[in-house]
Structures are given as structure tokens and as C-alpha cells.
Amino acid sequence: MKVRGERECQSCGARWSYYDTGSVACPSCGDLRSVGVDDRTAHTDAPVSLDLAPHRERFGEAQETLPRSGVDELQSDLREYCRKRGFIDGGKLAPLGGTYLAARELLEAVDCYERLRDPTDADGEYLLALLAGADDGARPAAEEVPTALREARGMAAVRAVEAYRSDVLDFLDELESGAGGNRAETNGDDGTDADDAPTVTVDGPDPEDRIAPARDAFERLRDRVTRVDALGGDVSPATADALVDAAAALGAYVRTGDEGSLRTATDLIDDASVDGVDPTDR
């Protein structure tokens, strides 16, 4: 979506940022009639936070690891958070954040734990550790992930990397369009419209030079992620983390043009091995 982020109410004259509220409605008087007063930018994120304190309290009172009630609510909150989060914020590419990753992993871990016939204490401790730190972006280290639940780490990596890759590729499309000066103009009442200004911005010179290398690297990363997905996430946690780290490094390369970040991503992708499968075998 492309929006004019800075809005002005046509009724009371108040100004606010669409990026902060996610709405064209005036926060002062509620009127829906507002106009953008700046250039349009690409934007996929939404103002949303993750508060797991009520769920931690419910889990803490339970006699078992999973409480008899409240699990559906936890999963619903995690899904809603992940659904609303995007990685293009006011025309800038955001990092692949820790809270998003932890929320994804906790969502997968709850599902995996519920399917276990005989969960161990270690399985329960891992799940509770995720719940304790997810809203702050904290996850257990790879070596602390129990074997029975390593699918959660793997599938969280699949979902997170695919979501990030999708937004980065859209960002690169906008970057290329801005470099070439080819933009379509649209107008609407929902805050979306367009003009001739660039819709995305990055740091450093010659941003168009990053487009092809980033696309190529993300395509190679997609091959690895597809294999993990086919295995249901059942790969080593270190492999799952390497795929996430590669996506994060590619994001840094797109934002800054730092060739070191591109080399880091390339090395991680080249070294990725999914349970003995040769990563160069196509």
C-alpha cells in the first residue's frame, strides 16, 4: 500500500501520522475526511504491540504446562500480531525483528506441544521460556530447543523468512520504479494515492545497484526455505537460525548497500544444509 503518512483533518485541522494510528480517521474528532500533506510512501506495517502478560498469568496459575482454557486466546493474539506486522514502514525497510520471530516461534511451539503424546519437562520449560520473553523479542538459544519441538523453530523460520522476503521484494520493486521514474498514479479516499516522489528510501549511494544482487540472493534463500517447509520444519535449530540470519543480513544490505552484509548472507545461504541435502543440488 502507498499512503501519504502525514494527515490533516478537514473538519478540525488536527494533524497526525497515519503510521502511528493506522487510520485516516482524525484522532481528535473522529472525522473520516482527511487529506495527506506529504509525499506518498510504501507502507505495510501497522501500529500493533504484543502483550503476553495476561497469558503468562494464566499459564502460571495452571497445574499443567498448558492451561485448560486460554490457549486459543493466546494463539489468536499471536496470529493477529503477526498478521498486522509488516516490514515496510513509511517508505523504509525495517529489520526482521526479534519480537516477530519470537511470536512466530511461540505460535508454532504451542501447536507442536499440543500434539506431543508424552511431553517432557524440557519441552514444557522451552515453551514457558518462549512465553516469558517473546514480547521482548527473546528466544531460547538454538542449543536449548528440545528435539521434540525443533519443528517449531524450523517452521517459525519458514514463516518469518517468507513474510520478510515478500515485503523486501515489493520494496525492491518500488526502489527500481523510483530509479526508473516509472510510476502509476492513483487516488482514493482511504489514504492511498500517488505522485512523482519516490515511495521508498535507503541509505548510501547507487541504491539501484543493490536490486539485482538482493533479488538473486533471496531466490536462493527461497530454495532453502522451501526445503525446510517440505520437511515440516524438522531441521536443526542452527539451520533454521541461519536462514533467518541470512534474511536479516539481506535486509541490511538493501537498507545500507553494505557489501559485507551481502557476503554474510551469501555465506549463510551457501553453508545451509537441510539434514544432509547438498545445498547446491537443484
Protein backbone atom coordinates (compact mmCIF):
# COMPACT_ATOMS: atom_id res chain seq x y z
CA MET A 1 0.00 0.00 0.00
CA LYS A 2 1.14 3.54 -0.73
CA VAL A 3 -0.03 6.26 1.62
CA ARG A 4 0.51 9.88 2.48
CA GLY A 5 1.52 9.35 6.08
CA GLU A 6 1.05 12.85 7.41
CA ARG A 7 -2.70 13.56 7.57
CA GLU A 8 -4.71 16.72 8.19
CA CYS A 9 -8.34 16.65 9.29
CA GLN A 10 -10.62 18.69 7.05
CA SER A 11 -13.03 19.22 9.92
CA CYS A 12 -10.92 20.40 12.87
CA GLY A 13 -7.49 20.91 11.26
CA ALA A 14 -5.66 18.45 13.53
CA ARG A 15 -2.59 16.72 12.10
CA TRP A 16 -1.35 13.23 12.85
CA SER A 17 0.69 10.38 11.39
CA TYR A 18 -1.07 7.51 9.67
CA TYR A 19 1.96 5.40 10.52
CA ASP A 20 1.19 5.84 14.23
CA THR A 21 -2.57 5.23 14.10
CA GLY A 22 -3.11 3.12 11.01
CA SER A 23 -6.26 5.10 10.24
CA VAL A 24 -7.36 8.07 8.13
CA ALA A 25 -9.89 8.95 10.87
CA CYS A 26 -8.98 12.03 12.89
CA PRO A 27 -7.81 11.01 16.39
CA SER A 28 -9.11 14.33 17.76
CA CYS A 29 -12.66 14.49 16.40
CA GLY A 30 -13.15 11.15 14.64
CA ASP A 31 -13.96 12.70 11.25
CA LEU A 32 -13.00 10.50 8.30
CA ARG A 33 -12.40 13.44 5.99
CA SER A 34 -8.65 13.94 5.95
CA VAL A 35 -6.02 14.75 3.36
CA GLY A 36 -2.38 13.81 3.03
CA VAL A 37 0.07 16.66 3.33
CA ASP A 38 3.30 14.89 2.37
CA ASP A 39 4.58 12.65 -0.40
CA ARG A 40 3.27 9.12 -0.66
CA THR A 41 5.36 6.25 0.68
CA ALA A 42 5.13 2.48 0.57
CA HIS A 43 3.85 1.09 3.86
CA THR A 44 2.93 -2.43 5.03
CA ASP A 45 3.30 -2.19 8.82
CA ALA A 46 0.56 -1.44 11.34
CA PRO A 47 0.69 0.05 14.85
CA VAL A 48 0.42 -3.10 16.95
CA SER A 49 2.12 -4.34 20.11
CA LEU A 50 2.37 -7.76 21.73
CA ASP A 51 1.44 -8.03 25.40
CA LEU A 52 1.67 -11.56 26.76
CA ALA A 53 1.38 -10.65 30.45
CA PRO A 54 -2.24 -11.87 30.78
CA HIS A 55 -1.30 -15.17 29.18
CA ARG A 56 1.73 -15.58 31.44
CA GLU A 57 -0.54 -15.08 34.44
CA ARG A 58 -2.97 -17.69 33.13
CA PHE A 59 -0.16 -20.17 32.42
CA GLY A 60 1.36 -19.50 35.84
CA GLU A 61 -1.86 -20.48 37.57
CA ALA A 62 -2.24 -23.70 35.59
CA GLN A 63 -1.32 -27.03 37.15
CA GLU A 64 -0.05 -28.27 33.80
CA THR A 65 2.16 -26.51 31.24
CA LEU A 66 -0.82 -25.62 29.08
CA PRO A 67 -3.86 -24.26 30.93
CA ARG A 68 -7.21 -25.89 30.23
CA SER A 69 -8.51 -22.60 28.89
CA GLY A 70 -6.81 -19.66 27.26
CA VAL A 71 -4.65 -21.46 24.71
CA ASP A 72 -6.95 -20.46 21.85
CA GLU A 73 -6.79 -16.84 23.02
CA LEU A 74 -3.00 -16.95 23.11
CA GLN A 75 -2.83 -18.35 19.59
CA SER A 76 -5.35 -15.77 18.37
CA ASP A 77 -3.32 -12.89 19.84
CA LEU A 78 -0.11 -14.22 18.29
CA ARG A 79 -1.72 -14.66 14.87
CA GLU A 80 -3.21 -11.18 14.98
CA TYR A 81 0.15 -9.65 15.88
CA CYS A 82 1.96 -11.50 13.09
CA ARG A 83 -0.78 -10.68 10.59
CA LYS A 84 -0.61 -6.95 11.25
CA ARG A 85 3.15 -6.62 11.26
CA GLY A 86 4.85 -5.60 8.03
CA PHE A 87 8.42 -4.70 7.17
CA ILE A 88 8.00 -1.52 5.13
CA ASP A 89 7.44 1.38 7.49
CA GLY A 90 6.87 4.79 5.99
CA GLY A 91 8.97 4.02 2.93
CA LYS A 92 11.84 2.46 4.88
CA LEU A 93 12.70 -1.22 5.07
CA ALA A 94 12.55 -2.45 8.67
CA PRO A 95 14.74 -5.20 10.14
CA LEU A 96 13.37 -8.70 10.72
CA GLY A 97 12.62 -8.03 14.38
CA GLY A 98 13.08 -10.31 17.35
CA THR A 99 9.53 -9.91 18.66
CA TYR A 100 8.06 -11.01 15.35
CA LEU A 101 10.36 -14.05 15.28
CA ALA A 102 9.57 -14.98 18.87
CA ALA A 103 5.83 -14.60 18.30
CA ARG A 104 6.06 -16.87 15.27
CA GLU A 105 8.03 -19.46 17.22
CA LEU A 106 5.70 -19.38 20.22
CA LEU A 107 2.71 -19.86 17.93
CA GLU A 108 4.35 -22.88 16.31
CA ALA A 109 5.58 -24.22 19.67
CA VAL A 110 2.12 -24.23 21.25
CA ASP A 111 0.80 -26.18 18.28
CA CYS A 112 3.69 -28.67 18.42
CA TYR A 113 3.40 -29.10 22.19
CA GLU A 114 -0.31 -29.86 21.97
CA ARG A 115 0.47 -32.74 19.57
CA LEU A 116 3.05 -34.39 21.84
CA ARG A 117 1.88 -37.62 23.43
CA ASP A 118 4.32 -37.53 26.32
CA PRO A 119 5.93 -34.08 26.68
CA THR A 120 9.00 -33.88 28.88
CA ASP A 121 9.92 -31.27 31.47
CA ALA A 122 12.39 -29.83 28.96
CA ASP A 123 9.59 -29.42 26.41
CA GLY A 124 7.48 -27.52 28.91
CA GLU A 125 10.38 -25.35 30.06
CA TYR A 126 11.13 -24.36 26.46
CA LEU A 127 7.51 -23.38 25.86
CA LEU A 128 7.37 -21.32 29.06
CA ALA A 129 10.71 -19.66 28.23
CA LEU A 130 9.26 -18.54 24.90
CA LEU A 131 6.16 -17.21 26.61
CA ALA A 132 8.29 -15.36 29.15
CA GLY A 133 10.34 -13.44 26.62
CA ALA A 134 8.52 -13.33 23.28
CA ASP A 135 7.01 -9.87 23.69
CA ASP A 136 10.53 -8.54 24.36
CA GLY A 137 11.96 -10.41 21.39
CA ALA A 138 13.77 -13.04 23.48
CA ARG A 139 14.01 -16.67 22.37
CA PRO A 140 15.89 -19.66 23.81
CA ALA A 141 19.24 -20.31 22.16
CA ALA A 142 19.33 -22.92 19.40
CA GLU A 143 21.03 -25.48 21.64
CA GLU A 144 18.20 -25.14 24.16
CA VAL A 145 15.46 -26.17 21.74
CA PRO A 146 14.23 -29.71 22.63
CA THR A 147 14.38 -32.26 19.84
CA ALA A 148 10.64 -32.93 20.09
CA LEU A 149 9.90 -29.27 19.43
CA ARG A 150 12.55 -28.32 16.92
CA GLU A 151 9.86 -28.26 14.22
CA ALA A 152 8.57 -25.09 15.89
CA ARG A 153 11.91 -23.35 15.35
CA GLY A 154 12.06 -24.54 11.77
CA MET A 155 8.53 -23.56 10.80
CA ALA A 156 8.87 -20.20 12.54
CA ALA A 157 11.92 -19.56 10.35
CA VAL A 158 9.96 -20.58 7.24
CA ARG A 159 7.03 -18.29 8.00
CA ALA A 160 9.19 -15.34 9.08
CA VAL A 161 11.62 -15.51 6.17
CA GLU A 162 8.83 -15.85 3.63
CA ALA A 163 6.94 -12.87 5.06
CA TYR A 164 10.11 -10.79 5.10
CA ARG A 165 11.14 -11.88 1.61
CA SER A 166 7.74 -10.88 0.24
CA ASP A 167 7.98 -7.37 1.66
CA VAL A 168 11.62 -6.92 0.62
CA LEU A 169 10.83 -7.94 -2.95
CA ASP A 170 7.98 -5.42 -3.01
CA PHE A 171 10.39 -2.84 -1.61
CA LEU A 172 12.90 -3.62 -4.35
CA ASP A 173 10.16 -3.22 -6.97
CA GLU A 174 9.42 0.24 -5.59
CA LEU A 175 13.12 1.05 -5.45
CA GLU A 176 13.51 0.04 -9.09
CA SER A 177 10.42 2.01 -10.08
CA GLY A 178 11.79 5.08 -8.35
CA ALA A 179 15.15 4.71 -10.05
CA GLY A 180 13.49 4.41 -13.45
CA GLY A 181 10.93 7.13 -12.92
CA ASN A 182 8.07 4.83 -13.91
CA ARG A 183 5.15 5.35 -11.51
CA ALA A 184 1.41 4.94 -11.94
CA GLU A 185 -0.82 7.48 -10.27
CA THR A 186 -3.88 6.51 -8.26
CA ASN A 187 -6.09 8.36 -5.85
CA GLY A 188 -8.52 7.18 -3.16
CA ASP A 189 -10.43 8.14 -0.08
CA ASP A 190 -8.68 5.59 2.13
CA GLY A 191 -5.41 7.49 2.38
CA THR A 192 -3.83 5.88 -0.66
CA ASP A 193 -2.65 8.00 -3.52
CA ALA A 194 0.41 8.70 -5.59
CA ASP A 195 2.65 11.34 -7.09
CA ASP A 196 6.05 11.51 -8.65
CA ALA A 197 8.07 11.34 -5.42
CA PRO A 198 9.99 8.15 -4.51
CA THR A 199 7.90 5.78 -2.41
CA VAL A 200 10.86 4.15 -0.63
CA THR A 201 14.20 5.42 0.64
CA VAL A 202 17.51 3.78 1.56
CA ASP A 203 20.87 4.90 2.84
CA GLY A 204 24.01 5.14 0.76
CA PRO A 205 24.78 5.85 -2.90
CA ASP A 206 23.64 3.96 -6.00
CA PRO A 207 20.69 2.08 -4.46
CA GLU A 208 19.70 0.65 -7.84
CA ASP A 209 22.91 -1.41 -7.83
CA ARG A 210 21.55 -3.45 -4.92
CA ILE A 211 18.39 -4.61 -6.65
CA ALA A 212 19.66 -7.49 -8.79
CA PRO A 213 22.08 -8.96 -6.18
CA ALA A 214 19.38 -8.84 -3.49
CA ARG A 215 16.78 -10.49 -5.71
CA ASP A 216 19.21 -13.24 -6.70
CA ALA A 217 20.15 -13.92 -3.10
CA PHE A 218 16.54 -14.02 -1.94
CA GLU A 219 15.74 -16.50 -4.71
CA ARG A 220 18.50 -18.80 -3.47
CA LEU A 221 17.29 -18.33 0.09
CA ARG A 222 13.78 -19.25 -1.00
CA ASP A 223 15.10 -22.61 -2.28
CA ARG A 224 16.47 -23.43 1.19
CA VAL A 225 13.30 -22.29 2.94
CA THR A 226 11.14 -24.37 0.60
CA ARG A 227 13.10 -27.46 1.62
CA VAL A 228 12.63 -26.73 5.30
CA ASP A 229 8.92 -26.23 4.69
CA ALA A 230 8.72 -29.57 2.88
CA LEU A 231 10.28 -31.21 5.95
CA GLY A 232 7.69 -29.62 8.24
CA GLY A 233 10.41 -27.56 9.90
CA ASP A 234 12.20 -30.70 11.12
CA VAL A 235 15.75 -29.40 10.73
CA SER A 236 18.38 -28.46 13.24
CA PRO A 237 17.65 -25.19 15.09
CA ALA A 238 21.04 -23.92 13.92
CA THR A 239 19.97 -24.38 10.30
CA ALA A 240 16.69 -22.57 10.96
CA ASP A 241 18.51 -19.69 12.63
CA ALA A 242 20.99 -19.45 9.76
CA LEU A 243 18.14 -18.92 7.29
CA VAL A 244 16.70 -16.16 9.47
CA ASP A 245 20.13 -14.56 9.83
CA ALA A 246 20.59 -14.66 6.05
CA ALA A 247 17.27 -12.85 5.52
CA ALA A 248 18.20 -10.27 8.13
CA ALA A 249 21.61 -9.69 6.50
CA LEU A 250 19.97 -9.23 3.10
CA GLY A 251 17.64 -6.67 4.62
CA ALA A 252 20.63 -4.79 5.97
CA TYR A 253 22.25 -4.88 2.53
CA VAL A 254 19.13 -3.43 0.89
CA ARG A 255 18.89 -0.67 3.51
CA THR A 256 22.53 0.38 3.52
CA GLY A 257 24.32 -1.07 0.50
CA ASP A 258 26.88 -2.66 2.82
CA GLU A 259 28.66 -5.31 0.78
CA GLY A 260 29.72 -7.08 3.96
CA SER A 261 26.08 -7.79 4.76
CA LEU A 262 25.59 -9.29 1.31
CA ARG A 263 28.66 -11.50 1.75
CA THR A 264 27.37 -12.62 5.16
CA ALA A 265 24.01 -13.55 3.67
CA THR A 266 25.64 -15.36 0.75
CA ASP A 267 27.88 -17.37 3.07
CA LEU A 268 24.93 -18.36 5.26
CA ILE A 269 22.93 -19.48 2.25
CA ASP A 270 25.88 -21.36 0.74
CA ASP A 271 26.57 -23.15 4.02
CA ALA A 272 22.93 -24.05 4.62
CA SER A 273 22.39 -27.78 4.63
CA VAL A 274 18.99 -29.31 5.34
CA ASP A 275 19.64 -32.65 7.02
CA GLY A 276 22.47 -33.61 4.74
CA VAL A 277 20.91 -32.39 1.50
CA ASP A 278 23.53 -30.73 -0.67
CA PRO A 279 22.52 -27.02 -0.74
CA THR A 280 23.86 -26.72 -4.31
CA ASP A 281 21.82 -29.64 -5.58
CA ARG A 282 18.87 -28.42 -7.62
